Amino acid sequence: MTEKKGHFDKGVWVEEPVAPAAKPEEPIDIRLAAATKSVISAMDDLAKATHDLVATEEGKKHIEKTVKETTVQVQKSFDDILARAKAEVDKAKADIEKAKAEAGKKIEPKK
């Protein structure tokens, strides 16, 4: 007895439709040719967009905006780095002063 996939629907067994056989893959040389064509097309689109970016007023404004945003981010990063470094230096100074104070107490002669 062979079992067929399906389910009961209102008390009646309904068979699942059989999936069509998968079509065989295209040969690799055809797939590579299609991929190459796609990459070349994408590179052409990129070249055109780059040209428009440099040659048009809209493109120049986009570049200027991007550079300004990048400058702000870089400045913020450096400010954060400097703030952390200053905090570490201040902490180290406090630790050194504390160590000196403790060392001074140990050296003082007893009366």
PDB file of N, CA and C in Angstrom:
ATOM      1  N   MET A   1       0.848  -1.176   0.000  1.00  0.00           N
ATOM      2  CA  MET A   1       0.000   0.000   0.000  1.00  0.00           C
ATOM      3  C   MET A   1       0.892   1.237   0.000  1.00  0.00           C
ATOM      4  N   THR A   2       0.659   2.140  -0.889  1.00  0.00           N
ATOM      5  CA  THR A   2       1.453   3.363  -0.943  1.00  0.00           C
ATOM      6  C   THR A   2       0.692   4.483  -0.285  1.00  0.00           C
ATOM      7  N   GLU A   3       1.424   5.276   0.468  1.00  0.00           N
ATOM      8  CA  GLU A   3       0.797   6.415   1.125  1.00  0.00           C
ATOM      9  C   GLU A   3       0.991   7.650   0.274  1.00  0.00           C
ATOM     10  N   LYS A   4      -0.054   8.415   0.146  1.00  0.00           N
ATOM     11  CA  LYS A   4       0.034   9.659  -0.599  1.00  0.00           C
ATOM     12  C   LYS A   4      -0.162  10.791   0.384  1.00  0.00           C
ATOM     13  N   LYS A   5       0.587  11.879   0.167  1.00  0.00           N
ATOM     14  CA  LYS A   5       0.486  13.025   1.063  1.00  0.00           C
ATOM     15  C   LYS A   5      -0.862  13.699   0.870  1.00  0.00           C
ATOM     16  N   GLY A   6      -1.413  14.130   1.998  1.00  0.00           N
ATOM     17  CA  GLY A   6      -2.686  14.814   1.937  1.00  0.00           C
ATOM     18  C   GLY A   6      -3.167  15.159   3.319  1.00  0.00           C
ATOM     19  N   HIS A   7      -4.448  15.507   3.399  1.00  0.00           N
ATOM     20  CA  HIS A   7      -5.037  15.862   4.681  1.00  0.00           C
ATOM     21  C   HIS A   7      -6.558  15.641   4.606  1.00  0.00           C
ATOM     22  N   PHE A   8      -7.150  15.534   5.799  1.00  0.00           N
ATOM     23  CA  PHE A   8      -8.598  15.409   5.848  1.00  0.00           C
ATOM     24  C   PHE A   8      -9.221  16.788   5.793  1.00  0.00           C
ATOM     25  N   ASP A   9     -10.225  16.920   4.973  1.00  0.00           N
ATOM     26  CA  ASP A   9     -10.973  18.163   4.876  1.00  0.00           C
ATOM     27  C   ASP A   9     -12.450  17.814   4.957  1.00  0.00           C
ATOM     28  N   LYS A  10     -13.074  18.155   6.074  1.00  0.00           N
ATOM     29  CA  LYS A  10     -14.484  17.855   6.321  1.00  0.00           C
ATOM     30  C   LYS A  10     -14.756  16.353   6.214  1.00  0.00           C
ATOM     31  N   GLY A  11     -13.811  15.589   6.786  1.00  0.00           N
ATOM     32  CA  GLY A  11     -13.977  14.150   6.837  1.00  0.00           C
ATOM     33  C   GLY A  11     -13.598  13.427   5.561  1.00  0.00           C
ATOM     34  N   VAL A  12     -13.088  14.122   4.569  1.00  0.00           N
ATOM     35  CA  VAL A  12     -12.711  13.497   3.298  1.00  0.00           C
ATOM     36  C   VAL A  12     -11.204  13.684   3.100  1.00  0.00           C
ATOM     37  N   TRP A  13     -10.519  12.591   2.698  1.00  0.00           N
ATOM     38  CA  TRP A  13      -9.086  12.665   2.447  1.00  0.00           C
ATOM     39  C   TRP A  13      -8.845  13.407   1.134  1.00  0.00           C
ATOM     40  N   VAL A  14      -8.041  14.500   1.241  1.00  0.00           N
ATOM     41  CA  VAL A  14      -7.706  15.293   0.058  1.00  0.00           C
ATOM     42  C   VAL A  14      -6.220  15.132  -0.188  1.00  0.00           C
ATOM     43  N   GLU A  15      -5.871  14.643  -1.378  1.00  0.00           N
ATOM     44  CA  GLU A  15      -4.465  14.425  -1.692  1.00  0.00           C
ATOM     45  C   GLU A  15      -3.791  15.749  -2.021  1.00  0.00           C
ATOM     46  N   GLU A  16      -2.515  15.865  -1.534  1.00  0.00           N
ATOM     47  CA  GLU A  16      -1.707  17.045  -1.836  1.00  0.00           C
ATOM     48  C   GLU A  16      -1.270  16.953  -3.295  1.00  0.00           C
ATOM     49  N   PRO A  17      -1.262  18.080  -3.976  1.00  0.00           N
ATOM     50  CA  PRO A  17      -0.770  18.024  -5.359  1.00  0.00           C
ATOM     51  C   PRO A  17       0.725  17.707  -5.375  1.00  0.00           C
ATOM     52  N   VAL A  18       1.142  16.966  -6.337  1.00  0.00           N
ATOM     53  CA  VAL A  18       2.540  16.587  -6.466  1.00  0.00           C
ATOM     54  C   VAL A  18       3.285  17.743  -7.124  1.00  0.00           C
ATOM     55  N   ALA A  19       4.400  18.119  -6.499  1.00  0.00           N
ATOM     56  CA  ALA A  19       5.190  19.226  -7.022  1.00  0.00           C
ATOM     57  C   ALA A  19       5.812  18.811  -8.354  1.00  0.00           C
ATOM     58  N   PRO A  20       5.835  19.742  -9.302  1.00  0.00           N
ATOM     59  CA  PRO A  20       6.451  19.397 -10.586  1.00  0.00           C
ATOM     60  C   PRO A  20       7.945  19.154 -10.403  1.00  0.00           C
ATOM     61  N   ALA A  21       8.507  18.334 -11.232  1.00  0.00           N
ATOM     62  CA  ALA A  21       9.932  18.026 -11.141  1.00  0.00           C
ATOM     63  C   ALA A  21      10.741  19.297 -11.373  1.00  0.00           C
ATOM     64  N   ALA A  22      11.806  19.441 -10.601  1.00  0.00           N
ATOM     65  CA  ALA A  22      12.649  20.636 -10.718  1.00  0.00           C
ATOM     66  C   ALA A  22      13.329  20.631 -12.077  1.00  0.00           C
ATOM     67  N   LYS A  23      13.354  21.814 -12.697  1.00  0.00           N
ATOM     68  CA  LYS A  23      13.999  21.883 -14.011  1.00  0.00           C
ATOM     69  C   LYS A  23      15.505  21.814 -13.810  1.00  0.00           C
ATOM     70  N   PRO A  24      16.189  21.198 -14.712  1.00  0.00           N
ATOM     71  CA  PRO A  24      17.649  21.087 -14.569  1.00  0.00           C
ATOM     72  C   PRO A  24      18.284  22.460 -14.674  1.00  0.00           C
ATOM     73  N   GLU A  25      19.389  22.640 -13.940  1.00  0.00           N
ATOM     74  CA  GLU A  25      20.096  23.921 -13.954  1.00  0.00           C
ATOM     75  C   GLU A  25      20.715  24.161 -15.318  1.00  0.00           C
ATOM     76  N   GLU A  26      20.870  25.456 -15.637  1.00  0.00           N
ATOM     77  CA  GLU A  26      21.530  25.805 -16.884  1.00  0.00           C
ATOM     78  C   GLU A  26      23.008  25.453 -16.765  1.00  0.00           C
ATOM     79  N   PRO A  27      23.652  25.194 -17.876  1.00  0.00           N
ATOM     80  CA  PRO A  27      25.090  24.905 -17.829  1.00  0.00           C
ATOM     81  C   PRO A  27      25.856  26.083 -17.234  1.00  0.00           C
ATOM     82  N   ILE A  28      26.975  25.770 -16.610  1.00  0.00           N
ATOM     83  CA  ILE A  28      27.756  26.774 -15.898  1.00  0.00           C
ATOM     84  C   ILE A  28      28.232  27.885 -16.815  1.00  0.00           C
ATOM     85  N   ASP A  29      28.573  27.575 -18.053  1.00  0.00           N
ATOM     86  CA  ASP A  29      29.063  28.622 -18.943  1.00  0.00           C
ATOM     87  C   ASP A  29      27.975  29.642 -19.261  1.00  0.00           C
ATOM     88  N   ILE A  30      26.733  29.202 -19.334  1.00  0.00           N
ATOM     89  CA  ILE A  30      25.616  30.128 -19.574  1.00  0.00           C
ATOM     90  C   ILE A  30      25.383  30.983 -18.329  1.00  0.00           C
ATOM     91  N   ARG A  31      25.456  30.353 -17.155  1.00  0.00           N
ATOM     92  CA  ARG A  31      25.280  31.106 -15.906  1.00  0.00           C
ATOM     93  C   ARG A  31      26.391  32.121 -15.721  1.00  0.00           C
ATOM     94  N   LEU A  32      27.637  31.749 -16.035  1.00  0.00           N
ATOM     95  CA  LEU A  32      28.761  32.682 -15.922  1.00  0.00           C
ATOM     96  C   LEU A  32      28.619  33.842 -16.901  1.00  0.00           C
ATOM     97  N   ALA A  33      28.167  33.546 -18.109  1.00  0.00           N
ATOM     98  CA  ALA A  33      27.974  34.610 -19.104  1.00  0.00           C
ATOM     99  C   ALA A  33      26.911  35.593 -18.625  1.00  0.00           C
ATOM    100  N   ALA A  34      25.819  35.081 -18.043  1.00  0.00           N
ATOM    101  CA  ALA A  34      24.755  35.954 -17.526  1.00  0.00           C
ATOM    102  C   ALA A  34      25.270  36.790 -16.359  1.00  0.00           C
ATOM    103  N   ALA A  35      26.046  36.176 -15.473  1.00  0.00           N
ATOM    104  CA  ALA A  35      26.593  36.906 -14.332  1.00  0.00           C
ATOM    105  C   ALA A  35      27.568  37.979 -14.813  1.00  0.00           C
ATOM    106  N   THR A  36      28.393  37.657 -15.783  1.00  0.00           N
ATOM    107  CA  THR A  36      29.340  38.630 -16.330  1.00  0.00           C
ATOM    108  C   THR A  36      28.603  39.809 -16.943  1.00  0.00           C
ATOM    109  N   LYS A  37      27.559  39.517 -17.707  1.00  0.00           N
ATOM    110  CA  LYS A  37      26.756  40.581 -18.325  1.00  0.00           C
ATOM    111  C   LYS A  37      26.151  41.480 -17.240  1.00  0.00           C
ATOM    112  N   SER A  38      25.671  40.869 -16.162  1.00  0.00           N
ATOM    113  CA  SER A  38      25.079  41.624 -15.062  1.00  0.00           C
ATOM    114  C   SER A  38      26.110  42.524 -14.387  1.00  0.00           C
ATOM    115  N   VAL A  39      27.311  42.005 -14.160  1.00  0.00           N
ATOM    116  CA  VAL A  39      28.370  42.792 -13.519  1.00  0.00           C
ATOM    117  C   VAL A  39      28.777  43.953 -14.418  1.00  0.00           C
ATOM    118  N   ILE A  40      28.932  43.701 -15.704  1.00  0.00           N
ATOM    119  CA  ILE A  40      29.307  44.765 -16.640  1.00  0.00           C
ATOM    120  C   ILE A  40      28.241  45.847 -16.664  1.00  0.00           C
ATOM    121  N   SER A  41      26.984  45.445 -16.662  1.00  0.00           N
ATOM    122  CA  SER A  41      25.884  46.416 -16.642  1.00  0.00           C
ATOM    123  C   SER A  41      25.922  47.248 -15.356  1.00  0.00           C
ATOM    124  N   ALA A  42      26.179  46.592 -14.232  1.00  0.00           N
ATOM    125  CA  ALA A  42      26.253  47.310 -12.954  1.00  0.00           C
ATOM    126  C   ALA A  42      27.423  48.289 -12.956  1.00  0.00           C
ATOM    127  N   MET A  43      28.559  47.885 -13.525  1.00  0.00           N
ATOM    128  CA  MET A  43      29.717  48.779 -13.587  1.00  0.00           C
ATOM    129  C   MET A  43      29.425  49.979 -14.485  1.00  0.00           C
ATOM    130  N   ASP A  44      28.723  49.752 -15.584  1.00  0.00           N
ATOM    131  CA  ASP A  44      28.335  50.866 -16.463  1.00  0.00           C
ATOM    132  C   ASP A  44      27.424  51.835 -15.716  1.00  0.00           C
ATOM    133  N   ASP A  45      26.449  51.287 -14.975  1.00  0.00           N
ATOM    134  CA  ASP A  45      25.547  52.137 -14.193  1.00  0.00           C
ATOM    135  C   ASP A  45      26.325  52.938 -13.153  1.00  0.00           C
ATOM    136  N   LEU A  46      27.291  52.294 -12.510  1.00  0.00           N
ATOM    137  CA  LEU A  46      28.109  52.974 -11.511  1.00  0.00           C
ATOM    138  C   LEU A  46      28.932  54.091 -12.145  1.00  0.00           C
ATOM    139  N   ALA A  47      29.499  53.837 -13.312  1.00  0.00           N
ATOM    140  CA  ALA A  47      30.282  54.861 -13.996  1.00  0.00           C
ATOM    141  C   ALA A  47      29.409  56.057 -14.363  1.00  0.00           C
ATOM    142  N   LYS A  48      28.207  55.796 -14.852  1.00  0.00           N
ATOM    143  CA  LYS A  48      27.284  56.888 -15.199  1.00  0.00           C
ATOM    144  C   LYS A  48      26.899  57.689 -13.962  1.00  0.00           C
ATOM    145  N   ALA A  49      26.581  56.998 -12.871  1.00  0.00           N
ATOM    146  CA  ALA A  49      26.210  57.686 -11.633  1.00  0.00           C
ATOM    147  C   ALA A  49      27.370  58.514 -11.097  1.00  0.00           C
ATOM    148  N   THR A  50      28.584  57.970 -11.172  1.00  0.00           N
ATOM    149  CA  THR A  50      29.764  58.698 -10.715  1.00  0.00           C
ATOM    150  C   THR A  50      29.980  59.948 -11.556  1.00  0.00           C
ATOM    151  N   HIS A  51      29.809  59.823 -12.854  1.00  0.00           N
ATOM    152  CA  HIS A  51      29.939  60.983 -13.734  1.00  0.00           C
ATOM    153  C   HIS A  51      28.919  62.044 -13.344  1.00  0.00           C
ATOM    154  N   ASP A  52      27.669  61.635 -13.143  1.00  0.00           N
ATOM    155  CA  ASP A  52      26.618  62.578 -12.745  1.00  0.00           C
ATOM    156  C   ASP A  52      26.918  63.203 -11.387  1.00  0.00           C
ATOM    157  N   LEU A  53      27.510  62.414 -10.508  1.00  0.00           N
ATOM    158  CA  LEU A  53      27.834  62.914  -9.172  1.00  0.00           C
ATOM    159  C   LEU A  53      28.835  64.051  -9.249  1.00  0.00           C
ATOM    160  N   VAL A  54      29.794  63.936 -10.140  1.00  0.00           N
ATOM    161  CA  VAL A  54      30.840  64.951 -10.256  1.00  0.00           C
ATOM    162  C   VAL A  54      30.434  66.092 -11.185  1.00  0.00           C
ATOM    163  N   ALA A  55      29.650  65.789 -12.212  1.00  0.00           N
ATOM    164  CA  ALA A  55      29.390  66.769 -13.262  1.00  0.00           C
ATOM    165  C   ALA A  55      28.137  67.617 -13.044  1.00  0.00           C
ATOM    166  N   THR A  56      27.223  67.196 -12.182  1.00  0.00           N
ATOM    167  CA  THR A  56      25.983  67.963 -12.026  1.00  0.00           C
ATOM    168  C   THR A  56      25.992  68.746 -10.719  1.00  0.00           C
ATOM    169  N   GLU A  57      25.186  69.787 -10.680  1.00  0.00           N
ATOM    170  CA  GLU A  57      25.073  70.607  -9.467  1.00  0.00           C
ATOM    171  C   GLU A  57      24.506  69.769  -8.314  1.00  0.00           C
ATOM    172  N   GLU A  58      23.518  68.940  -8.621  1.00  0.00           N
ATOM    173  CA  GLU A  58      22.930  68.076  -7.596  1.00  0.00           C
ATOM    174  C   GLU A  58      23.997  67.130  -7.024  1.00  0.00           C
ATOM    175  N   GLY A  59      24.819  66.585  -7.915  1.00  0.00           N
ATOM    176  CA  GLY A  59      25.888  65.689  -7.473  1.00  0.00           C
ATOM    177  C   GLY A  59      26.896  66.397  -6.593  1.00  0.00           C
ATOM    178  N   LYS A  60      27.262  67.614  -6.986  1.00  0.00           N
ATOM    179  CA  LYS A  60      28.225  68.387  -6.194  1.00  0.00           C
ATOM    180  C   LYS A  60      27.669  68.701  -4.812  1.00  0.00           C
ATOM    181  N   LYS A  61      26.378  69.023  -4.750  1.00  0.00           N
ATOM    182  CA  LYS A  61      25.756  69.285  -3.442  1.00  0.00           C
ATOM    183  C   LYS A  61      25.743  68.019  -2.593  1.00  0.00           C
ATOM    184  N   HIS A  62      25.487  66.888  -3.229  1.00  0.00           N
ATOM    185  CA  HIS A  62      25.485  65.610  -2.499  1.00  0.00           C
ATOM    186  C   HIS A  62      26.869  65.322  -1.923  1.00  0.00           C
ATOM    187  N   ILE A  63      27.904  65.537  -2.734  1.00  0.00           N
ATOM    188  CA  ILE A  63      29.280  65.318  -2.265  1.00  0.00           C
ATOM    189  C   ILE A  63      29.580  66.247  -1.101  1.00  0.00           C
ATOM    190  N   GLU A  64      29.227  67.525  -1.247  1.00  0.00           N
ATOM    191  CA  GLU A  64      29.491  68.504  -0.186  1.00  0.00           C
ATOM    192  C   GLU A  64      28.777  68.112   1.106  1.00  0.00           C
ATOM    193  N   LYS A  65      27.534  67.694   0.995  1.00  0.00           N
ATOM    194  CA  LYS A  65      26.762  67.286   2.179  1.00  0.00           C
ATOM    195  C   LYS A  65      27.416  66.073   2.839  1.00  0.00           C
ATOM    196  N   THR A  66      27.817  65.112   2.030  1.00  0.00           N
ATOM    197  CA  THR A  66      28.446  63.899   2.564  1.00  0.00           C
ATOM    198  C   THR A  66      29.759  64.220   3.260  1.00  0.00           C
ATOM    199  N   VAL A  67      30.552  65.107   2.654  1.00  0.00           N
ATOM    200  CA  VAL A  67      31.832  65.493   3.265  1.00  0.00           C
ATOM    201  C   VAL A  67      31.592  66.200   4.594  1.00  0.00           C
ATOM    202  N   LYS A  68      30.597  67.091   4.644  1.00  0.00           N
ATOM    203  CA  LYS A  68      30.297  67.797   5.897  1.00  0.00           C
ATOM    204  C   LYS A  68      29.862  66.812   6.979  1.00  0.00           C
ATOM    205  N   GLU A  69      28.988  65.865   6.616  1.00  0.00           N
ATOM    206  CA  GLU A  69      28.522  64.876   7.597  1.00  0.00           C
ATOM    207  C   GLU A  69      29.692  64.028   8.093  1.00  0.00           C
ATOM    208  N   THR A  70      30.575  63.667   7.183  1.00  0.00           N
ATOM    209  CA  THR A  70      31.747  62.873   7.570  1.00  0.00           C
ATOM    210  C   THR A  70      32.653  63.671   8.495  1.00  0.00           C
ATOM    211  N   THR A  71      32.845  64.949   8.181  1.00  0.00           N
ATOM    212  CA  THR A  71      33.682  65.813   9.022  1.00  0.00           C
ATOM    213  C   THR A  71      33.113  65.903  10.429  1.00  0.00           C
ATOM    214  N   VAL A  72      31.802  66.057  10.537  1.00  0.00           N
ATOM    215  CA  VAL A  72      31.156  66.127  11.852  1.00  0.00           C
ATOM    216  C   VAL A  72      31.379  64.830  12.615  1.00  0.00           C
ATOM    217  N   GLN A  73      31.226  63.689  11.937  1.00  0.00           N
ATOM    218  CA  GLN A  73      31.417  62.398  12.602  1.00  0.00           C
ATOM    219  C   GLN A  73      32.864  62.202  13.056  1.00  0.00           C
ATOM    220  N   VAL A  74      33.811  62.612  12.215  1.00  0.00           N
ATOM    221  CA  VAL A  74      35.226  62.484  12.580  1.00  0.00           C
ATOM    222  C   VAL A  74      35.535  63.384  13.782  1.00  0.00           C
ATOM    223  N   GLN A  75      35.028  64.612  13.767  1.00  0.00           N
ATOM    224  CA  GLN A  75      35.257  65.535  14.881  1.00  0.00           C
ATOM    225  C   GLN A  75      34.680  64.967  16.172  1.00  0.00           C
ATOM    226  N   LYS A  76      33.476  64.400  16.080  1.00  0.00           N
ATOM    227  CA  LYS A  76      32.844  63.809  17.260  1.00  0.00           C
ATOM    228  C   LYS A  76      33.689  62.639  17.778  1.00  0.00           C
ATOM    229  N   SER A  77      34.186  61.825  16.870  1.00  0.00           N
ATOM    230  CA  SER A  77      35.018  60.689  17.280  1.00  0.00           C
ATOM    231  C   SER A  77      36.277  61.159  17.991  1.00  0.00           C
ATOM    232  N   PHE A  78      36.951  62.170  17.427  1.00  0.00           N
ATOM    233  CA  PHE A  78      38.158  62.688  18.067  1.00  0.00           C
ATOM    234  C   PHE A  78      37.834  63.331  19.414  1.00  0.00           C
ATOM    235  N   ASP A  79      36.724  64.046  19.496  1.00  0.00           N
ATOM    236  CA  ASP A  79      36.330  64.635  20.782  1.00  0.00           C
ATOM    237  C   ASP A  79      36.106  63.556  21.824  1.00  0.00           C
ATOM    238  N   ASP A  80      35.449  62.463  21.439  1.00  0.00           N
ATOM    239  CA  ASP A  80      35.224  61.351  22.360  1.00  0.00           C
ATOM    240  C   ASP A  80      36.544  60.724  22.802  1.00  0.00           C
ATOM    241  N   ILE A  81      37.458  60.537  21.850  1.00  0.00           N
ATOM    242  CA  ILE A  81      38.758  59.954  22.174  1.00  0.00           C
ATOM    243  C   ILE A  81      39.521  60.857  23.146  1.00  0.00           C
ATOM    244  N   LEU A  82      39.533  62.157  22.857  1.00  0.00           N
ATOM    245  CA  LEU A  82      40.240  63.098  23.733  1.00  0.00           C
ATOM    246  C   LEU A  82      39.610  63.153  25.125  1.00  0.00           C
ATOM    247  N   ALA A  83      38.283  63.101  25.186  1.00  0.00           N
ATOM    248  CA  ALA A  83      37.611  63.125  26.485  1.00  0.00           C
ATOM    249  C   ALA A  83      37.984  61.882  27.304  1.00  0.00           C
ATOM    250  N   ARG A  84      38.025  60.724  26.653  1.00  0.00           N
ATOM    251  CA  ARG A  84      38.414  59.507  27.364  1.00  0.00           C
ATOM    252  C   ARG A  84      39.861  59.580  27.817  1.00  0.00           C
ATOM    253  N   ALA A  85      40.724  60.082  26.949  1.00  0.00           N
ATOM    254  CA  ALA A  85      42.147  60.192  27.304  1.00  0.00           C
ATOM    255  C   ALA A  85      42.319  61.150  28.481  1.00  0.00           C
ATOM    256  N   LYS A  86      41.626  62.279  28.470  1.00  0.00           N
ATOM    257  CA  LYS A  86      41.720  63.242  29.563  1.00  0.00           C
ATOM    258  C   LYS A  86      41.239  62.615  30.864  1.00  0.00           C
ATOM    259  N   ALA A  87      40.148  61.864  30.799  1.00  0.00           N
ATOM    260  CA  ALA A  87      39.635  61.207  31.999  1.00  0.00           C
ATOM    261  C   ALA A  87      40.653  60.202  32.543  1.00  0.00           C
ATOM    262  N   GLU A  88      41.308  59.478  31.656  1.00  0.00           N
ATOM    263  CA  GLU A  88      42.321  58.511  32.089  1.00  0.00           C
ATOM    264  C   GLU A  88      43.530  59.216  32.709  1.00  0.00           C
ATOM    265  N   VAL A  89      43.940  60.329  32.110  1.00  0.00           N
ATOM    266  CA  VAL A  89      45.071  61.088  32.655  1.00  0.00           C
ATOM    267  C   VAL A  89      44.709  61.643  34.032  1.00  0.00           C
ATOM    268  N   ASP A  90      43.513  62.206  34.162  1.00  0.00           N
ATOM    269  CA  ASP A  90      43.069  62.734  35.454  1.00  0.00           C
ATOM    270  C   ASP A  90      43.020  61.627  36.506  1.00  0.00           C
ATOM    271  N   LYS A  91      42.544  60.442  36.101  1.00  0.00           N
ATOM    272  CA  LYS A  91      42.482  59.323  37.042  1.00  0.00           C
ATOM    273  C   LYS A  91      43.891  58.900  37.456  1.00  0.00           C
ATOM    274  N   ALA A  92      44.803  58.867  36.485  1.00  0.00           N
ATOM    275  CA  ALA A  92      46.182  58.477  36.797  1.00  0.00           C
ATOM    276  C   ALA A  92      46.824  59.490  37.736  1.00  0.00           C
ATOM    277  N   LYS A  93      46.578  60.784  37.502  1.00  0.00           N
ATOM    278  CA  LYS A  93      47.118  61.819  38.387  1.00  0.00           C
ATOM    279  C   LYS A  93      46.583  61.636  39.801  1.00  0.00           C
ATOM    280  N   ALA A  94      45.279  61.377  39.913  1.00  0.00           N
ATOM    281  CA  ALA A  94      44.677  61.188  41.232  1.00  0.00           C
ATOM    282  C   ALA A  94      45.278  59.972  41.927  1.00  0.00           C
ATOM    283  N   ASP A  95      45.518  58.901  41.178  1.00  0.00           N
ATOM    284  CA  ASP A  95      46.111  57.696  41.752  1.00  0.00           C
ATOM    285  C   ASP A  95      47.541  57.973  42.229  1.00  0.00           C
ATOM    286  N   ILE A  96      48.290  58.743  41.448  1.00  0.00           N
ATOM    287  CA  ILE A  96      49.671  59.088  41.829  1.00  0.00           C
ATOM    288  C   ILE A  96      49.670  59.943  43.089  1.00  0.00           C
ATOM    289  N   GLU A  97      48.799  60.951  43.160  1.00  0.00           N
ATOM    290  CA  GLU A  97      48.711  61.809  44.341  1.00  0.00           C
ATOM    291  C   GLU A  97      48.328  60.988  45.571  1.00  0.00           C
ATOM    292  N   LYS A  98      47.408  60.060  45.377  1.00  0.00           N
ATOM    293  CA  LYS A  98      46.979  59.214  46.489  1.00  0.00           C
ATOM    294  C   LYS A  98      48.145  58.344  46.969  1.00  0.00           C
ATOM    295  N   ALA A  99      48.890  57.783  46.020  1.00  0.00           N
ATOM    296  CA  ALA A  99      50.040  56.947  46.382  1.00  0.00           C
ATOM    297  C   ALA A  99      51.100  57.769  47.105  1.00  0.00           C
ATOM    298  N   LYS A 100      51.344  58.995  46.644  1.00  0.00           N
ATOM    299  CA  LYS A 100      52.316  59.868  47.319  1.00  0.00           C
ATOM    300  C   LYS A 100      51.870  60.180  48.735  1.00  0.00           C
ATOM    301  N   ALA A 101      50.574  60.471  48.886  1.00  0.00           N
ATOM    302  CA  ALA A 101      50.053  60.799  50.213  1.00  0.00           C
ATOM    303  C   ALA A 101      50.194  59.610  51.161  1.00  0.00           C
ATOM    304  N   GLU A 102      49.903  58.434  50.663  1.00  0.00           N
ATOM    305  CA  GLU A 102      50.024  57.240  51.501  1.00  0.00           C
ATOM    306  C   GLU A 102      51.483  56.950  51.824  1.00  0.00           C
ATOM    307  N   ALA A 103      52.373  57.162  50.851  1.00  0.00           N
ATOM    308  CA  ALA A 103      53.804  56.932  51.092  1.00  0.00           C
ATOM    309  C   ALA A 103      54.335  57.941  52.097  1.00  0.00           C
ATOM    310  N   GLY A 104      53.863  59.185  52.065  1.00  0.00           N
ATOM    311  CA  GLY A 104      54.302  60.224  52.999  1.00  0.00           C
ATOM    312  C   GLY A 104      53.889  59.899  54.418  1.00  0.00           C
ATOM    313  N   LYS A 105      52.749  59.299  54.600  1.00  0.00           N
ATOM    314  CA  LYS A 105      52.276  58.942  55.936  1.00  0.00           C
ATOM    315  C   LYS A 105      53.150  57.847  56.539  1.00  0.00           C
ATOM    316  N   LYS A 106      53.625  56.937  55.744  1.00  0.00           N
ATOM    317  CA  LYS A 106      54.432  55.826  56.245  1.00  0.00           C
ATOM    318  C   LYS A 106      55.829  56.280  56.626  1.00  0.00           C
ATOM    319  N   ILE A 107      56.348  57.305  55.995  1.00  0.00           N
ATOM    320  CA  ILE A 107      57.717  57.745  56.241  1.00  0.00           C
ATOM    321  C   ILE A 107      57.810  58.674  57.460  1.00  0.00           C
ATOM    322  N   GLU A 108      56.769  59.386  57.807  1.00  0.00           N
ATOM    323  CA  GLU A 108      56.810  60.340  58.905  1.00  0.00           C
ATOM    324  C   GLU A 108      57.203  59.637  60.208  1.00  0.00           C
ATOM    325  N   PRO A 109      58.148  60.237  60.942  1.00  0.00           N
ATOM    326  CA  PRO A 109      58.599  59.618  62.200  1.00  0.00           C
ATOM    327  C   PRO A 109      57.495  59.732  63.271  1.00  0.00           C
ATOM    328  N   LYS A 110      57.461  58.774  64.149  1.00  0.00           N
ATOM    329  CA  LYS A 110      56.479  58.796  65.225  1.00  0.00           C
ATOM    330  C   LYS A 110      56.994  59.646  66.363  1.00  0.00           C
ATOM    331  N   LYS A 111      56.128  60.350  67.028  1.00  0.00           N
ATOM    332  CA  LYS A 111      56.515  61.220  68.138  1.00  0.00           C
ATOM    333  C   LYS A 111      56.187  60.590  69.449  1.00  0.00           C
TER     334      LYS A 111
END
